[in-house]
Amino acid sequence: MIEIEVVHASVDRQVLRTCSVPEGTSVRAALLASGIAEDFPELDLSACPIGIFGKVVADPDQQAVQACDRLEIYRPLLADPKEIRRLRAAKAAQARQADQ
């Protein structure tokens, strides 16, 4: 058995859970075994993006967890960062024109 951490942050709360899984367990199976779905029933663990220490896992059904891995369940972005920057730049340009 190896110990891993599973973490998820929703808008209103965060959960960090330590659990033990058999060596060779896939990332997705480790998530299911952690029981985090009980804390966040709105999560679709079969489709949500998952990372290990900030790096997205390309195939969580095939990649095995390692001892001390921190599995992170990501939620969708509320706003596109590129769009936010574009709007901020447009607002700054309008402010400069108004000052002239």
N, C-alpha and C. Protein backbone atom coordinates (compact mmCIF):
# COMPACT_ATOMS: atom_id res chain seq x y z
N MET A 1 0.85 -1.19 0.00
CA MET A 1 0.00 0.00 0.00
C MET A 1 0.89 1.25 0.00
N ILE A 2 0.42 2.28 -0.72
CA ILE A 2 1.13 3.56 -0.74
C ILE A 2 0.15 4.65 -0.32
N GLU A 3 0.69 5.71 0.27
CA GLU A 3 -0.13 6.84 0.68
C GLU A 3 -0.09 7.94 -0.37
N ILE A 4 -1.27 8.51 -0.64
CA ILE A 4 -1.39 9.63 -1.56
C ILE A 4 -2.31 10.68 -0.92
N GLU A 5 -2.32 11.86 -1.51
CA GLU A 5 -3.24 12.90 -1.10
C GLU A 5 -4.16 13.21 -2.27
N VAL A 6 -5.41 13.50 -1.97
CA VAL A 6 -6.38 13.92 -2.97
C VAL A 6 -6.93 15.25 -2.50
N VAL A 7 -6.94 16.23 -3.41
CA VAL A 7 -7.38 17.57 -3.04
C VAL A 7 -8.33 18.12 -4.09
N HIS A 8 -9.34 18.83 -3.60
CA HIS A 8 -10.26 19.53 -4.50
C HIS A 8 -10.74 20.79 -3.78
N ALA A 9 -10.85 21.87 -4.55
CA ALA A 9 -11.35 23.12 -4.00
C ALA A 9 -12.55 23.56 -4.83
N SER A 10 -13.70 23.60 -4.20
CA SER A 10 -14.87 24.16 -4.88
C SER A 10 -14.89 25.65 -4.58
N VAL A 11 -15.91 26.32 -5.01
CA VAL A 11 -15.99 27.76 -4.80
C VAL A 11 -16.05 28.10 -3.31
N ASP A 12 -16.72 27.26 -2.53
CA ASP A 12 -16.95 27.60 -1.13
C ASP A 12 -16.18 26.76 -0.10
N ARG A 13 -15.50 25.68 -0.53
CA ARG A 13 -14.73 24.91 0.44
C ARG A 13 -13.67 24.06 -0.24
N GLN A 14 -12.71 23.63 0.57
CA GLN A 14 -11.60 22.81 0.08
C GLN A 14 -11.50 21.55 0.94
N VAL A 15 -11.07 20.46 0.29
CA VAL A 15 -10.87 19.21 1.01
C VAL A 15 -9.52 18.64 0.60
N LEU A 16 -8.74 18.26 1.60
CA LEU A 16 -7.48 17.55 1.40
C LEU A 16 -7.60 16.25 2.17
N ARG A 17 -7.49 15.16 1.44
CA ARG A 17 -7.68 13.84 2.05
C ARG A 17 -6.46 12.97 1.78
N THR A 18 -5.97 12.32 2.81
CA THR A 18 -4.88 11.35 2.68
C THR A 18 -5.50 9.95 2.68
N CYS A 19 -5.05 9.12 1.75
CA CYS A 19 -5.58 7.76 1.70
C CYS A 19 -4.49 6.80 1.23
N SER A 20 -4.73 5.53 1.48
CA SER A 20 -3.81 4.47 1.06
C SER A 20 -4.46 3.67 -0.04
N VAL A 21 -3.69 3.40 -1.09
CA VAL A 21 -4.16 2.59 -2.22
C VAL A 21 -3.09 1.56 -2.55
N PRO A 22 -3.48 0.46 -3.18
CA PRO A 22 -2.48 -0.53 -3.58
C PRO A 22 -1.52 0.04 -4.62
N GLU A 23 -0.28 -0.37 -4.57
CA GLU A 23 0.71 0.06 -5.55
C GLU A 23 0.25 -0.37 -6.94
N GLY A 24 0.40 0.51 -7.92
CA GLY A 24 -0.03 0.23 -9.28
C GLY A 24 -1.44 0.69 -9.60
N THR A 25 -2.12 1.31 -8.64
CA THR A 25 -3.48 1.82 -8.85
C THR A 25 -3.44 2.99 -9.82
N SER A 26 -4.39 3.04 -10.74
CA SER A 26 -4.44 4.16 -11.68
C SER A 26 -4.90 5.43 -10.96
N VAL A 27 -4.61 6.55 -11.56
CA VAL A 27 -5.00 7.84 -10.98
C VAL A 27 -6.51 7.90 -10.80
N ARG A 28 -7.26 7.51 -11.82
CA ARG A 28 -8.72 7.57 -11.74
C ARG A 28 -9.25 6.63 -10.65
N ALA A 29 -8.70 5.41 -10.57
CA ALA A 29 -9.13 4.45 -9.54
C ALA A 29 -8.79 4.96 -8.14
N ALA A 30 -7.66 5.63 -8.00
CA ALA A 30 -7.28 6.19 -6.70
C ALA A 30 -8.26 7.27 -6.28
N LEU A 31 -8.70 8.09 -7.24
CA LEU A 31 -9.70 9.11 -6.92
C LEU A 31 -10.99 8.49 -6.43
N LEU A 32 -11.43 7.47 -7.12
CA LEU A 32 -12.67 6.80 -6.72
C LEU A 32 -12.52 6.15 -5.36
N ALA A 33 -11.35 5.57 -5.09
CA ALA A 33 -11.11 4.91 -3.80
C ALA A 33 -11.00 5.91 -2.65
N SER A 34 -10.63 7.15 -2.96
CA SER A 34 -10.44 8.15 -1.90
C SER A 34 -11.75 8.54 -1.23
N GLY A 35 -12.87 8.37 -1.91
CA GLY A 35 -14.16 8.77 -1.35
C GLY A 35 -14.46 10.24 -1.47
N ILE A 36 -13.67 10.97 -2.24
CA ILE A 36 -13.89 12.43 -2.35
C ILE A 36 -15.20 12.75 -3.06
N ALA A 37 -15.71 11.81 -3.84
CA ALA A 37 -16.99 12.03 -4.53
C ALA A 37 -18.13 12.20 -3.53
N GLU A 38 -17.98 11.63 -2.35
CA GLU A 38 -19.01 11.79 -1.32
C GLU A 38 -19.05 13.22 -0.79
N ASP A 39 -17.88 13.88 -0.75
CA ASP A 39 -17.82 15.27 -0.29
C ASP A 39 -18.31 16.25 -1.35
N PHE A 40 -18.13 15.87 -2.63
CA PHE A 40 -18.50 16.73 -3.74
C PHE A 40 -19.34 15.92 -4.74
N PRO A 41 -20.61 15.70 -4.45
CA PRO A 41 -21.44 14.87 -5.34
C PRO A 41 -21.61 15.46 -6.74
N GLU A 42 -21.36 16.76 -6.89
CA GLU A 42 -21.51 17.39 -8.20
C GLU A 42 -20.35 17.06 -9.15
N LEU A 43 -19.26 16.50 -8.62
CA LEU A 43 -18.10 16.15 -9.44
C LEU A 43 -18.39 14.91 -10.29
N ASP A 44 -17.97 14.96 -11.54
CA ASP A 44 -18.02 13.79 -12.41
C ASP A 44 -16.59 13.27 -12.53
N LEU A 45 -16.21 12.37 -11.63
CA LEU A 45 -14.84 11.88 -11.57
C LEU A 45 -14.42 11.10 -12.81
N SER A 46 -15.38 10.71 -13.64
CA SER A 46 -15.02 9.99 -14.85
C SER A 46 -14.60 10.93 -15.97
N ALA A 47 -14.88 12.22 -15.83
CA ALA A 47 -14.59 13.16 -16.90
C ALA A 47 -13.80 14.39 -16.48
N CYS A 48 -13.68 14.67 -15.20
CA CYS A 48 -13.03 15.91 -14.77
C CYS A 48 -11.51 15.85 -14.98
N PRO A 49 -10.89 17.01 -15.27
CA PRO A 49 -9.44 17.04 -15.42
C PRO A 49 -8.75 16.81 -14.08
N ILE A 50 -7.65 16.09 -14.12
CA ILE A 50 -6.91 15.72 -12.92
C ILE A 50 -5.44 16.05 -13.13
N GLY A 51 -4.78 16.48 -12.07
CA GLY A 51 -3.35 16.75 -12.14
C GLY A 51 -2.63 16.13 -10.96
N ILE A 52 -1.31 16.04 -11.10
CA ILE A 52 -0.46 15.60 -10.00
C ILE A 52 0.56 16.71 -9.79
N PHE A 53 0.51 17.33 -8.62
CA PHE A 53 1.39 18.46 -8.28
C PHE A 53 1.37 19.53 -9.37
N GLY A 54 0.18 19.89 -9.85
CA GLY A 54 0.05 21.00 -10.79
C GLY A 54 0.25 20.66 -12.25
N LYS A 55 0.51 19.42 -12.58
CA LYS A 55 0.68 19.03 -13.98
C LYS A 55 -0.46 18.10 -14.38
N VAL A 56 -1.17 18.47 -15.44
CA VAL A 56 -2.33 17.71 -15.87
C VAL A 56 -1.90 16.30 -16.31
N VAL A 57 -2.68 15.32 -15.88
CA VAL A 57 -2.44 13.93 -16.26
C VAL A 57 -3.19 13.67 -17.56
N ALA A 58 -2.45 13.26 -18.61
CA ALA A 58 -3.05 13.05 -19.92
C ALA A 58 -4.03 11.88 -19.94
N ASP A 59 -3.67 10.77 -19.32
CA ASP A 59 -4.54 9.59 -19.32
C ASP A 59 -4.63 9.02 -17.91
N PRO A 60 -5.55 9.54 -17.10
CA PRO A 60 -5.65 9.10 -15.70
C PRO A 60 -6.08 7.66 -15.53
N ASP A 61 -6.63 7.05 -16.58
CA ASP A 61 -7.03 5.65 -16.47
C ASP A 61 -5.84 4.72 -16.67
N GLN A 62 -4.78 5.22 -17.26
CA GLN A 62 -3.59 4.39 -17.52
C GLN A 62 -2.42 4.70 -16.59
N GLN A 63 -2.27 5.95 -16.18
CA GLN A 63 -1.13 6.33 -15.34
C GLN A 63 -1.33 5.87 -13.91
N ALA A 64 -0.32 5.23 -13.37
CA ALA A 64 -0.37 4.74 -11.98
C ALA A 64 0.11 5.83 -11.02
N VAL A 65 -0.47 5.85 -9.83
CA VAL A 65 -0.02 6.79 -8.81
C VAL A 65 1.27 6.29 -8.18
N GLN A 66 2.04 7.23 -7.68
CA GLN A 66 3.28 6.93 -6.96
C GLN A 66 3.09 7.33 -5.51
N ALA A 67 3.91 6.80 -4.64
CA ALA A 67 3.85 7.15 -3.23
C ALA A 67 4.00 8.66 -3.07
N CYS A 68 3.19 9.23 -2.22
CA CYS A 68 3.21 10.66 -1.87
C CYS A 68 2.71 11.58 -2.98
N ASP A 69 2.09 11.04 -4.02
CA ASP A 69 1.50 11.90 -5.06
C ASP A 69 0.37 12.72 -4.46
N ARG A 70 0.19 13.92 -5.00
CA ARG A 70 -0.93 14.78 -4.61
C ARG A 70 -1.83 14.91 -5.83
N LEU A 71 -2.95 14.21 -5.83
CA LEU A 71 -3.90 14.26 -6.94
C LEU A 71 -4.79 15.48 -6.77
N GLU A 72 -4.86 16.28 -7.81
CA GLU A 72 -5.64 17.52 -7.76
C GLU A 72 -6.78 17.42 -8.77
N ILE A 73 -7.99 17.65 -8.32
CA ILE A 73 -9.16 17.64 -9.19
C ILE A 73 -9.45 19.08 -9.56
N TYR A 74 -9.40 19.38 -10.85
CA TYR A 74 -9.59 20.75 -11.31
C TYR A 74 -11.04 21.02 -11.68
N ARG A 75 -11.48 22.23 -11.41
CA ARG A 75 -12.82 22.64 -11.81
C ARG A 75 -12.70 23.56 -13.03
N PRO A 76 -13.77 23.70 -13.79
CA PRO A 76 -13.70 24.56 -14.98
C PRO A 76 -13.48 26.02 -14.59
N LEU A 77 -12.83 26.75 -15.48
CA LEU A 77 -12.62 28.19 -15.25
C LEU A 77 -13.95 28.91 -15.37
N LEU A 78 -14.15 29.93 -14.54
CA LEU A 78 -15.36 30.73 -14.62
C LEU A 78 -15.29 31.73 -15.76
N ALA A 79 -14.08 32.15 -16.11
CA ALA A 79 -13.89 33.10 -17.19
C ALA A 79 -12.58 32.77 -17.92
N ASP A 80 -12.57 33.02 -19.21
CA ASP A 80 -11.39 32.78 -20.01
C ASP A 80 -10.35 33.87 -19.72
N PRO A 81 -9.15 33.50 -19.27
CA PRO A 81 -8.13 34.51 -18.93
C PRO A 81 -7.78 35.43 -20.11
N LYS A 82 -7.78 34.90 -21.33
CA LYS A 82 -7.47 35.73 -22.50
C LYS A 82 -8.55 36.80 -22.70
N GLU A 83 -9.78 36.40 -22.50
CA GLU A 83 -10.89 37.35 -22.66
C GLU A 83 -10.83 38.44 -21.59
N ILE A 84 -10.49 38.07 -20.37
CA ILE A 84 -10.37 39.05 -19.27
C ILE A 84 -9.27 40.06 -19.59
N ARG A 85 -8.12 39.58 -20.08
CA ARG A 85 -7.02 40.49 -20.44
C ARG A 85 -7.45 41.43 -21.56
N ARG A 86 -8.15 40.89 -22.56
CA ARG A 86 -8.60 41.71 -23.69
C ARG A 86 -9.54 42.81 -23.21
N LEU A 87 -10.48 42.47 -22.33
CA LEU A 87 -11.41 43.46 -21.80
C LEU A 87 -10.70 44.51 -20.96
N ARG A 88 -9.71 44.07 -20.16
CA ARG A 88 -8.96 45.01 -19.33
C ARG A 88 -8.16 45.98 -20.21
N ALA A 89 -7.55 45.47 -21.29
CA ALA A 89 -6.79 46.33 -22.20
C ALA A 89 -7.71 47.32 -22.90
N ALA A 90 -8.89 46.89 -23.31
CA ALA A 90 -9.84 47.79 -23.96
C ALA A 90 -10.29 48.88 -23.00
N LYS A 91 -10.52 48.52 -21.74
CA LYS A 91 -10.93 49.51 -20.74
C LYS A 91 -9.82 50.52 -20.49
N ALA A 92 -8.57 50.05 -20.43
CA ALA A 92 -7.44 50.96 -20.23
C ALA A 92 -7.28 51.89 -21.43
N ALA A 93 -7.50 51.40 -22.63
CA ALA A 93 -7.39 52.23 -23.83
C ALA A 93 -8.48 53.31 -23.81
N GLN A 94 -9.67 52.95 -23.40
CA GLN A 94 -10.75 53.94 -23.30
C GLN A 94 -10.41 55.01 -22.26
N ALA A 95 -9.83 54.61 -21.14
CA ALA A 95 -9.46 55.56 -20.10
C ALA A 95 -8.39 56.52 -20.60
N ARG A 96 -7.42 56.00 -21.38
CA ARG A 96 -6.38 56.88 -21.94
C ARG A 96 -6.97 57.87 -22.92
N GLN A 97 -7.91 57.45 -23.74
CA GLN A 97 -8.53 58.34 -24.71
C GLN A 97 -9.36 59.42 -24.00
N ALA A 98 -10.01 59.05 -22.92
CA ALA A 98 -10.82 60.00 -22.17
C ALA A 98 -9.95 61.06 -21.51
N ASP A 99 -8.72 60.69 -21.12
CA ASP A 99 -7.81 61.62 -20.44
C ASP A 99 -7.19 62.61 -21.43
N GLN A 100 -7.20 62.30 -22.70
CA GLN A 100 -6.54 63.17 -23.68
C GLN A 100 -7.41 64.27 -24.17
